[in-house]
PDB file of N, CA and C in Angstrom:
ATOM      1  N   MET A   1     175.178  59.666 118.749  1.00  0.00           N
ATOM      2  CA  MET A   1     174.054  61.001 119.624  1.00  0.00           C
ATOM      3  C   MET A   1     173.449  61.111 118.062  1.00  0.00           C
ATOM      4  N   GLN A   2     173.701  60.918 117.084  1.00  0.00           N
ATOM      5  CA  GLN A   2     172.220  61.838 116.451  1.00  0.00           C
ATOM      6  C   GLN A   2     171.600  60.260 115.984  1.00  0.00           C
ATOM      7  N   ASP A   3     171.649  59.287 115.876  1.00  0.00           N
ATOM      8  CA  ASP A   3     170.425  58.252 116.211  1.00  0.00           C
ATOM      9  C   ASP A   3     169.358  58.375 117.414  1.00  0.00           C
ATOM     10  N   ARG A   4     170.260  59.153 118.508  1.00  0.00           N
ATOM     11  CA  ARG A   4     169.463  59.555 119.460  1.00  0.00           C
ATOM     12  C   ARG A   4     168.256  60.757 119.683  1.00  0.00           C
ATOM     13  N   VAL A   5     169.019  61.540 118.864  1.00  0.00           N
ATOM     14  CA  VAL A   5     167.808  62.228 118.285  1.00  0.00           C
ATOM     15  C   VAL A   5     166.521  62.249 117.151  1.00  0.00           C
ATOM     16  N   ARG A   6     167.300  61.567 116.399  1.00  0.00           N
ATOM     17  CA  ARG A   6     166.587  61.101 115.308  1.00  0.00           C
ATOM     18  C   ARG A   6     165.379  60.261 116.535  1.00  0.00           C
ATOM     19  N   LEU A   7     165.855  58.711 117.209  1.00  0.00           N
ATOM     20  CA  LEU A   7     164.215  58.260 118.314  1.00  0.00           C
ATOM     21  C   LEU A   7     163.820  59.132 118.733  1.00  0.00           C
ATOM     22  N   ARG A   8     164.259  60.165 119.473  1.00  0.00           N
ATOM     23  CA  ARG A   8     163.572  61.075 120.523  1.00  0.00           C
ATOM     24  C   ARG A   8     162.919  61.657 119.749  1.00  0.00           C
ATOM     25  N   ALA A   9     163.024  62.259 118.238  1.00  0.00           N
ATOM     26  CA  ALA A   9     161.828  63.167 117.652  1.00  0.00           C
ATOM     27  C   ALA A   9     160.872  62.112 116.958  1.00  0.00           C
ATOM     28  N   GLU A  10     161.420  60.763 116.457  1.00  0.00           N
ATOM     29  CA  GLU A  10     159.987  60.022 116.529  1.00  0.00           C
ATOM     30  C   GLU A  10     159.693  59.521 117.345  1.00  0.00           C
ATOM     31  N   GLN A  11     159.758  59.567 117.941  1.00  0.00           N
ATOM     32  CA  GLN A  11     159.109  59.530 119.629  1.00  0.00           C
ATOM     33  C   GLN A  11     157.912  60.415 119.915  1.00  0.00           C
ATOM     34  N   CYS A  12     158.098  61.380 119.881  1.00  0.00           N
ATOM     35  CA  CYS A  12     157.207  62.448 119.868  1.00  0.00           C
ATOM     36  C   CYS A  12     156.153  62.619 119.150  1.00  0.00           C
ATOM     37  N   ARG A  13     156.977  62.463 117.792  1.00  0.00           N
ATOM     38  CA  ARG A  13     155.696  62.167 116.707  1.00  0.00           C
ATOM     39  C   ARG A  13     155.086  61.382 116.626  1.00  0.00           C
ATOM     40  N   GLU A  14     154.925  60.706 117.896  1.00  0.00           N
ATOM     41  CA  GLU A  14     154.005  58.630 117.864  1.00  0.00           C
ATOM     42  C   GLU A  14     153.399  59.046 118.936  1.00  0.00           C
ATOM     43  N   ILE A  15     153.599  59.814 119.579  1.00  0.00           N
ATOM     44  CA  ILE A  15     153.025  60.399 121.426  1.00  0.00           C
ATOM     45  C   ILE A  15     152.547  61.723 120.677  1.00  0.00           C
ATOM     46  N   ALA A  16     152.556  62.386 119.468  1.00  0.00           N
ATOM     47  CA  ALA A  16     151.621  63.663 118.787  1.00  0.00           C
ATOM     48  C   ALA A  16     150.431  62.595 118.470  1.00  0.00           C
ATOM     49  N   LEU A  17     150.806  62.099 117.523  1.00  0.00           N
ATOM     50  CA  LEU A  17     149.875  61.483 117.045  1.00  0.00           C
ATOM     51  C   LEU A  17     149.221  59.926 117.811  1.00  0.00           C
ATOM     52  N   ARG A  18     149.017  59.759 118.963  1.00  0.00           N
ATOM     53  CA  ARG A  18     148.287  59.167 120.186  1.00  0.00           C
ATOM     54  C   ARG A  18     147.374  60.039 120.357  1.00  0.00           C
ATOM     55  N   PHE A  19     147.832  61.856 120.675  1.00  0.00           N
ATOM     56  CA  PHE A  19     146.977  62.611 120.735  1.00  0.00           C
ATOM     57  C   PHE A  19     146.110  63.101 120.045  1.00  0.00           C
ATOM     58  N   ARG A  20     146.441  62.990 118.902  1.00  0.00           N
ATOM     59  CA  ARG A  20     145.366  63.354 117.682  1.00  0.00           C
ATOM     60  C   ARG A  20     144.288  62.432 117.644  1.00  0.00           C
ATOM     61  N   ARG A  21     144.740  61.176 117.819  1.00  0.00           N
ATOM     62  CA  ARG A  21     143.613  60.345 117.716  1.00  0.00           C
ATOM     63  C   ARG A  21     142.544  59.976 118.557  1.00  0.00           C
ATOM     64  N   MET A  22     143.307  60.335 119.660  1.00  0.00           N
ATOM     65  CA  MET A  22     142.741  60.915 121.296  1.00  0.00           C
ATOM     66  C   MET A  22     142.039  61.719 121.233  1.00  0.00           C
ATOM     67  N   ALA A  23     142.058  62.471 120.738  1.00  0.00           N
ATOM     68  CA  ALA A  23     141.384  63.808 120.172  1.00  0.00           C
ATOM     69  C   ALA A  23     140.029  63.326 118.626  1.00  0.00           C
ATOM     70  N   GLU A  24     140.091  62.757 117.599  1.00  0.00           N
ATOM     71  CA  GLU A  24     139.466  62.531 117.167  1.00  0.00           C
ATOM     72  C   GLU A  24     138.020  61.326 117.700  1.00  0.00           C
ATOM     73  N   ILE A  25     138.330  60.897 118.632  1.00  0.00           N
ATOM     74  CA  ILE A  25     137.499  60.216 119.485  1.00  0.00           C
ATOM     75  C   ILE A  25     136.669  60.818 120.672  1.00  0.00           C
ATOM     76  N   GLU A  26     137.396  62.348 121.697  1.00  0.00           N
ATOM     77  CA  GLU A  26     136.752  62.797 122.594  1.00  0.00           C
ATOM     78  C   GLU A  26     135.536  63.766 121.667  1.00  0.00           C
ATOM     79  N   PRO A  27     134.623  63.404 122.619  1.00  0.00           N
ATOM     80  CA  PRO A  27     133.600  63.900 122.618  1.00  0.00           C
ATOM     81  C   PRO A  27     133.466  65.842 122.879  1.00  0.00           C
ATOM     82  N   LEU A  28     134.097  65.420 124.571  1.00  0.00           N
ATOM     83  CA  LEU A  28     134.380  66.675 124.864  1.00  0.00           C
ATOM     84  C   LEU A  28     135.197  67.979 123.985  1.00  0.00           C
ATOM     85  N   ALA A  29     134.831  69.053 124.013  1.00  0.00           N
ATOM     86  CA  ALA A  29     135.408  69.918 122.976  1.00  0.00           C
ATOM     87  C   ALA A  29     136.697  70.646 124.140  1.00  0.00           C
ATOM     88  N   SER A  30     136.757  71.249 125.014  1.00  0.00           N
ATOM     89  CA  SER A  30     138.050  71.500 125.968  1.00  0.00           C
ATOM     90  C   SER A  30     139.015  70.668 125.975  1.00  0.00           C
ATOM     91  N   LEU A  31     138.488  68.923 125.761  1.00  0.00           N
ATOM     92  CA  LEU A  31     139.568  68.000 126.047  1.00  0.00           C
ATOM     93  C   LEU A  31     140.197  67.945 125.419  1.00  0.00           C
ATOM     94  N   ARG A  32     139.073  67.890 123.812  1.00  0.00           N
ATOM     95  CA  ARG A  32     139.472  68.057 122.176  1.00  0.00           C
ATOM     96  C   ARG A  32     140.807  69.044 121.981  1.00  0.00           C
ATOM     97  N   ARG A  33     140.650  70.033 122.402  1.00  0.00           N
ATOM     98  CA  ARG A  33     141.929  71.197 122.046  1.00  0.00           C
ATOM     99  C   ARG A  33     142.559  70.878 122.872  1.00  0.00           C
ATOM    100  N   HIS A  34     142.509  70.514 124.000  1.00  0.00           N
ATOM    101  CA  HIS A  34     143.768  70.013 125.253  1.00  0.00           C
ATOM    102  C   HIS A  34     144.884  69.069 124.619  1.00  0.00           C
ATOM    103  N   LEU A  35     144.105  67.706 123.807  1.00  0.00           N
ATOM    104  CA  LEU A  35     144.762  67.083 123.222  1.00  0.00           C
ATOM    105  C   LEU A  35     145.572  67.177 121.858  1.00  0.00           C
ATOM    106  N   LEU A  36     144.782  68.176 120.902  1.00  0.00           N
ATOM    107  CA  LEU A  36     145.340  69.336 119.713  1.00  0.00           C
ATOM    108  C   LEU A  36     146.690  69.483 120.410  1.00  0.00           C
ATOM    109  N   ARG A  37     146.676  70.356 121.565  1.00  0.00           N
ATOM    110  CA  ARG A  37     147.717  71.436 122.058  1.00  0.00           C
ATOM    111  C   ARG A  37     148.792  70.244 122.546  1.00  0.00           C
ATOM    112  N   LEU A  38     148.642  69.176 123.297  1.00  0.00           N
ATOM    113  CA  LEU A  38     149.645  68.695 123.373  1.00  0.00           C
ATOM    114  C   LEU A  38     150.423  67.729 122.040  1.00  0.00           C
ATOM    115  N   ALA A  39     149.675  67.778 121.062  1.00  0.00           N
ATOM    116  CA  ALA A  39     150.209  66.745 119.835  1.00  0.00           C
ATOM    117  C   ALA A  39     151.318  68.219 118.883  1.00  0.00           C
ATOM    118  N   GLU A  40     150.197  68.911 119.573  1.00  0.00           N
ATOM    119  CA  GLU A  40     151.057  70.218 118.745  1.00  0.00           C
ATOM    120  C   GLU A  40     152.353  70.536 119.877  1.00  0.00           C
ATOM    121  N   GLN A  41     152.936  70.473 120.401  1.00  0.00           N
ATOM    122  CA  GLN A  41     153.314  70.775 121.388  1.00  0.00           C
ATOM    123  C   GLN A  41     154.711  69.319 121.263  1.00  0.00           C
ATOM    124  N   HIS A  42     153.769  68.298 120.835  1.00  0.00           N
ATOM    125  CA  HIS A  42     155.390  67.375 120.817  1.00  0.00           C
ATOM    126  C   HIS A  42     155.868  67.584 119.242  1.00  0.00           C
ATOM    127  N   ASP A  43     155.077  68.022 118.677  1.00  0.00           N
ATOM    128  CA  ASP A  43     155.450  67.771 116.938  1.00  0.00           C
ATOM    129  C   ASP A  43     156.370  69.476 116.802  1.00  0.00           C
ATOM    130  N   ASP A  44     156.194  69.582 118.121  1.00  0.00           N
ATOM    131  CA  ASP A  44     157.328  71.471 117.913  1.00  0.00           C
ATOM    132  C   ASP A  44     158.872  70.590 119.122  1.00  0.00           C
ATOM    133  N   LEU A  45     158.487  69.936 119.954  1.00  0.00           N
ATOM    134  CA  LEU A  45     159.461  69.290 120.418  1.00  0.00           C
ATOM    135  C   LEU A  45     160.248  68.484 119.584  1.00  0.00           C
ATOM    136  N   ALA A  46     159.641  67.772 118.659  1.00  0.00           N
ATOM    137  CA  ALA A  46     160.865  66.632 117.911  1.00  0.00           C
ATOM    138  C   ALA A  46     161.025  67.095 116.709  1.00  0.00           C
ATOM    139  N   ALA A  47     160.226  68.140 116.728  1.00  0.00           N
ATOM    140  CA  ALA A  47     161.197  69.493 115.442  1.00  0.00           C
ATOM    141  C   ALA A  47     162.320  70.378 115.696  1.00  0.00           C
ATOM    142  N   ARG A  48     162.890  69.756 117.077  1.00  0.00           N
ATOM    143  CA  ARG A  48     163.298  71.078 118.180  1.00  0.00           C
ATOM    144  C   ARG A  48     164.486  70.126 118.243  1.00  0.00           C
ATOM    145  N   SER A  49     164.177  69.051 118.529  1.00  0.00           N
ATOM    146  CA  SER A  49     165.381  68.409 118.757  1.00  0.00           C
ATOM    147  C   SER A  49     166.017  68.291 117.487  1.00  0.00           C
ATOM    148  N   GLU A  50     165.344  68.293 116.148  1.00  0.00           N
ATOM    149  CA  GLU A  50     166.187  67.436 115.026  1.00  0.00           C
ATOM    150  C   GLU A  50     166.937  69.025 114.869  1.00  0.00           C
ATOM    151  N   SER A  51     166.401  69.677 114.753  1.00  0.00           N
ATOM    152  CA  SER A  51     167.135  71.232 114.595  1.00  0.00           C
ATOM    153  C   SER A  51     168.047  71.540 115.394  1.00  0.00           C
ATOM    154  N   ALA A  52     168.456  70.919 115.964  1.00  0.00           N
ATOM    155  CA  ALA A  52     169.762  71.402 118.112  1.00  0.00           C
ATOM    156  C   ALA A  52     170.447  71.078 116.686  1.00  0.00           C
ATOM    157  N   GLN A  53     171.666  72.452 117.419  1.00  0.00           N
ATOM    158  CA  GLN A  53     172.834  71.548 116.112  1.00  0.00           C
ATOM    159  C   GLN A  53     173.482  70.815 117.925  1.00  0.00           C
ATOM    160  N   PRO A  54     174.614  69.772 116.631  1.00  0.00           N
ATOM    161  CA  PRO A  54     175.290  68.705 118.258  1.00  0.00           C
ATOM    162  C   PRO A  54     175.948  68.857 119.388  1.00  0.00           C
ATOM    163  N   VAL A  55     175.747  69.132 120.578  1.00  0.00           N
ATOM    164  CA  VAL A  55     176.936  68.844 121.195  1.00  0.00           C
ATOM    165  C   VAL A  55     178.171  68.247 120.947  1.00  0.00           C
ATOM    166  N   GLU A  56     179.846  69.064 121.178  1.00  0.00           N
ATOM    167  CA  GLU A  56     180.396  68.494 120.802  1.00  0.00           C
ATOM    168  C   GLU A  56     180.869  67.599 121.578  1.00  0.00           C
ATOM    169  N   GLN A  57     181.343  66.173 121.945  1.00  0.00           N
ATOM    170  CA  GLN A  57     181.604  65.015 121.730  1.00  0.00           C
ATOM    171  C   GLN A  57     183.138  65.398 122.573  1.00  0.00           C
ATOM    172  N   ARG A  58     183.278  65.477 123.830  1.00  0.00           N
ATOM    173  CA  ARG A  58     184.782  65.843 123.712  1.00  0.00           C
ATOM    174  C   ARG A  58     184.918  64.208 125.330  1.00  0.00           C
ATOM    175  N   SER A  59     186.378  63.770 124.761  1.00  0.00           N
ATOM    176  CA  SER A  59     187.009  62.624 125.248  1.00  0.00           C
ATOM    177  C   SER A  59     187.681  63.124 126.849  1.00  0.00           C
ATOM    178  N   PRO A  60     187.433  62.515 128.091  1.00  0.00           N
ATOM    179  CA  PRO A  60     187.490  62.438 129.315  1.00  0.00           C
ATOM    180  C   PRO A  60     189.510  63.243 129.083  1.00  0.00           C
ATOM    181  N   ARG A  61     190.293  62.640 128.542  1.00  0.00           N
ATOM    182  CA  ARG A  61     191.634  62.818 128.572  1.00  0.00           C
ATOM    183  C   ARG A  61     191.067  64.197 128.101  1.00  0.00           C
ATOM    184  N   ALA A  62     190.431  64.893 127.462  1.00  0.00           N
ATOM    185  CA  ALA A  62     190.195  66.238 126.356  1.00  0.00           C
ATOM    186  C   ALA A  62     190.573  67.370 127.386  1.00  0.00           C
ATOM    187  N   ALA A  63     189.412  66.382 128.505  1.00  0.00           N
ATOM    188  CA  ALA A  63     188.975  67.513 129.668  1.00  0.00           C
ATOM    189  C   ALA A  63     190.222  67.989 130.345  1.00  0.00           C
ATOM    190  N   LEU A  64     191.099  66.606 130.399  1.00  0.00           N
ATOM    191  CA  LEU A  64     192.286  67.171 131.765  1.00  0.00           C
ATOM    192  C   LEU A  64     193.419  68.061 131.099  1.00  0.00           C
ATOM    193  N   THR A  65     193.101  68.200 129.808  1.00  0.00           N
ATOM    194  CA  THR A  65     194.622  69.188 128.844  1.00  0.00           C
ATOM    195  C   THR A  65     194.109  70.215 128.932  1.00  0.00           C
TER     196      THR A  65
END
């Protein structure tokens, strides 16, 4: 499960980096600001997913008792 969380965080950071690179070359200021906001949101999502408490895994048999 931790691998999934780490992978999701990495993917969010990669997407954030893409948005920042797009913002660097975007001539339109309003679109550039929007791209940077999207990058920040993805960085925040990555940080939140890493800091979230892991959900306890229960076996199917545990649910029956």
